[in-house]
Amino acid sequence: MNWNNNGNFSDACEIFFNTAPFLYGFTAPTNNLNGSIAIPPSAVLDTDLRMRIFQDILKISDVKGVKSITISDFSGRLVKSMKASTELHLADLRAGLYIVTLHMNDGTVKAVKAIKK
């Protein structure tokens, strides 16, 4: 490192040591990728639970196939766990950002953000 920016690395305390191997003749690949990415139907959220802003009750239009629901704060700490319901009564939560996780009967998990006013 040339600490005093004079272009001279032989000054006191400006010696550079490199112990990593140096790869001569290496060139980064420059291939352009063409194609498409298929999203399987199972990756699409089939319950109507988009990012929601709610006050005391969070509504879900369809809970078919949902075994249970958990609510976590943004740090990941579990704050509430409940059975599947189209209305989640969350008046006891403080205002903030939460992650609503749907645990499905087939073992899959779907999550969405929700903001409590």
Protein backbone atom coordinates (compact mmCIF):
# COMPACT_ATOMS: atom_id res chain seq x y z
CA MET A 1 0.00 0.00 0.00
CA ASN A 2 1.43 3.35 -0.97
CA TRP A 3 0.29 5.27 2.10
CA ASN A 4 1.81 8.62 1.15
CA ASN A 5 0.80 8.35 -2.55
CA ASN A 6 4.26 9.17 -3.88
CA GLY A 7 4.46 6.12 -6.17
CA ASN A 8 7.40 4.65 -4.25
CA PHE A 9 6.71 1.37 -2.42
CA SER A 10 10.17 1.21 -0.85
CA ASP A 11 9.36 3.89 1.76
CA ALA A 12 9.13 2.76 5.38
CA CYS A 13 6.06 0.60 6.14
CA GLU A 14 4.91 0.56 2.50
CA ILE A 15 5.99 -2.92 1.49
CA PHE A 16 3.27 -5.08 -0.06
CA PHE A 17 3.20 -8.78 0.76
CA ASN A 18 1.05 -11.14 -1.25
CA THR A 19 0.89 -14.78 -0.19
CA ALA A 20 -1.99 -15.80 -2.48
CA PRO A 21 -1.12 -17.62 -5.70
CA PHE A 22 -1.35 -15.49 -8.84
CA LEU A 23 -3.08 -17.03 -11.86
CA TYR A 24 -1.33 -16.04 -15.09
CA GLY A 25 -3.32 -16.02 -18.29
CA PHE A 26 -6.72 -16.18 -16.59
CA THR A 27 -9.54 -14.61 -18.55
CA ALA A 28 -13.06 -14.26 -17.24
CA PRO A 29 -15.74 -16.00 -19.30
CA THR A 30 -17.73 -13.63 -21.49
CA ASN A 31 -20.46 -16.01 -22.64
CA ASN A 32 -23.89 -14.47 -23.01
CA LEU A 33 -26.65 -16.63 -21.63
CA ASN A 34 -29.84 -16.99 -23.61
CA GLY A 35 -32.96 -18.84 -22.58
CA SER A 36 -35.79 -18.68 -20.12
CA ILE A 37 -36.49 -19.66 -16.56
CA ALA A 38 -39.60 -21.70 -15.85
CA ILE A 39 -41.44 -21.04 -12.60
CA PRO A 40 -43.26 -24.16 -11.44
CA PRO A 41 -46.93 -23.75 -10.50
CA SER A 42 -46.13 -24.78 -6.93
CA ALA A 43 -44.01 -21.60 -6.54
CA VAL A 44 -47.00 -19.34 -7.14
CA LEU A 45 -48.82 -18.26 -4.00
CA ASP A 46 -52.33 -19.64 -4.50
CA THR A 47 -53.74 -18.07 -1.36
CA ASP A 48 -54.57 -14.38 -1.55
CA LEU A 49 -51.99 -13.16 0.92
CA ARG A 50 -50.03 -10.31 -0.62
CA MET A 51 -48.09 -7.67 1.30
CA ARG A 52 -50.74 -6.28 3.60
CA ILE A 53 -51.17 -3.28 5.83
CA PHE A 54 -53.58 -4.02 8.65
CA GLN A 55 -54.72 -2.59 11.96
CA ASP A 56 -56.09 -5.36 14.20
CA ILE A 57 -57.36 -8.04 11.82
CA LEU A 58 -55.42 -9.51 8.88
CA LYS A 59 -57.76 -11.15 6.36
CA ILE A 60 -56.84 -14.08 4.11
CA SER A 61 -59.34 -14.94 1.38
CA ASP A 62 -58.54 -18.65 1.09
CA VAL A 63 -56.98 -20.96 3.65
CA LYS A 64 -57.69 -24.22 1.83
CA GLY A 65 -54.72 -26.52 2.39
CA VAL A 66 -53.27 -24.41 5.22
CA LYS A 67 -52.48 -26.40 8.37
CA SER A 68 -51.28 -23.59 10.64
CA ILE A 69 -50.11 -19.97 10.60
CA THR A 70 -47.21 -18.39 12.45
CA ILE A 71 -46.40 -14.72 12.89
CA SER A 72 -42.78 -13.65 13.39
CA ASP A 73 -41.33 -10.21 13.95
CA PHE A 74 -38.80 -8.88 11.46
CA SER A 75 -35.88 -10.27 13.48
CA GLY A 76 -37.35 -13.77 13.04
CA ARG A 77 -38.63 -14.21 16.61
CA LEU A 78 -41.90 -16.17 16.73
CA VAL A 79 -44.57 -13.97 18.31
CA LYS A 80 -47.77 -15.89 17.57
CA SER A 81 -48.91 -19.28 16.33
CA MET A 82 -52.49 -20.19 15.39
CA LYS A 83 -54.74 -22.52 13.44
CA ALA A 84 -55.65 -21.63 9.87
CA SER A 85 -58.34 -18.97 9.66
CA THR A 86 -59.50 -16.37 7.15
CA GLU A 87 -59.28 -13.68 9.86
CA LEU A 88 -56.19 -13.35 12.01
CA HIS A 89 -56.90 -11.32 15.14
CA LEU A 90 -53.63 -9.53 15.85
CA ALA A 91 -54.67 -6.60 18.05
CA ASP A 92 -52.16 -7.66 20.71
CA LEU A 93 -49.17 -7.07 18.38
CA ARG A 94 -47.28 -3.77 18.39
CA ALA A 95 -47.08 -1.68 15.23
CA GLY A 96 -44.34 -2.86 12.89
CA LEU A 97 -43.29 -5.26 10.17
CA TYR A 98 -44.16 -8.96 10.55
CA ILE A 99 -43.67 -12.14 8.54
CA VAL A 100 -46.84 -14.23 8.18
CA THR A 101 -45.96 -17.85 7.44
CA LEU A 102 -48.49 -20.36 6.14
CA HIS A 103 -47.62 -23.98 6.92
CA MET A 104 -49.40 -26.05 4.29
CA ASN A 105 -50.82 -29.57 4.67
CA ASP A 106 -48.39 -30.90 2.04
CA GLY A 107 -45.38 -29.71 4.09
CA THR A 108 -44.59 -26.59 2.08
CA VAL A 109 -44.24 -23.17 3.66
CA LYS A 110 -45.32 -19.83 2.21
CA ALA A 111 -44.47 -16.47 3.75
CA VAL A 112 -45.43 -12.84 3.19
CA LYS A 113 -44.67 -9.52 4.85
CA ALA A 114 -47.39 -7.65 6.72
CA ILE A 115 -47.29 -4.22 8.30
CA LYS A 116 -49.35 -3.45 11.39
CA LYS A 117 -50.33 0.19 11.81
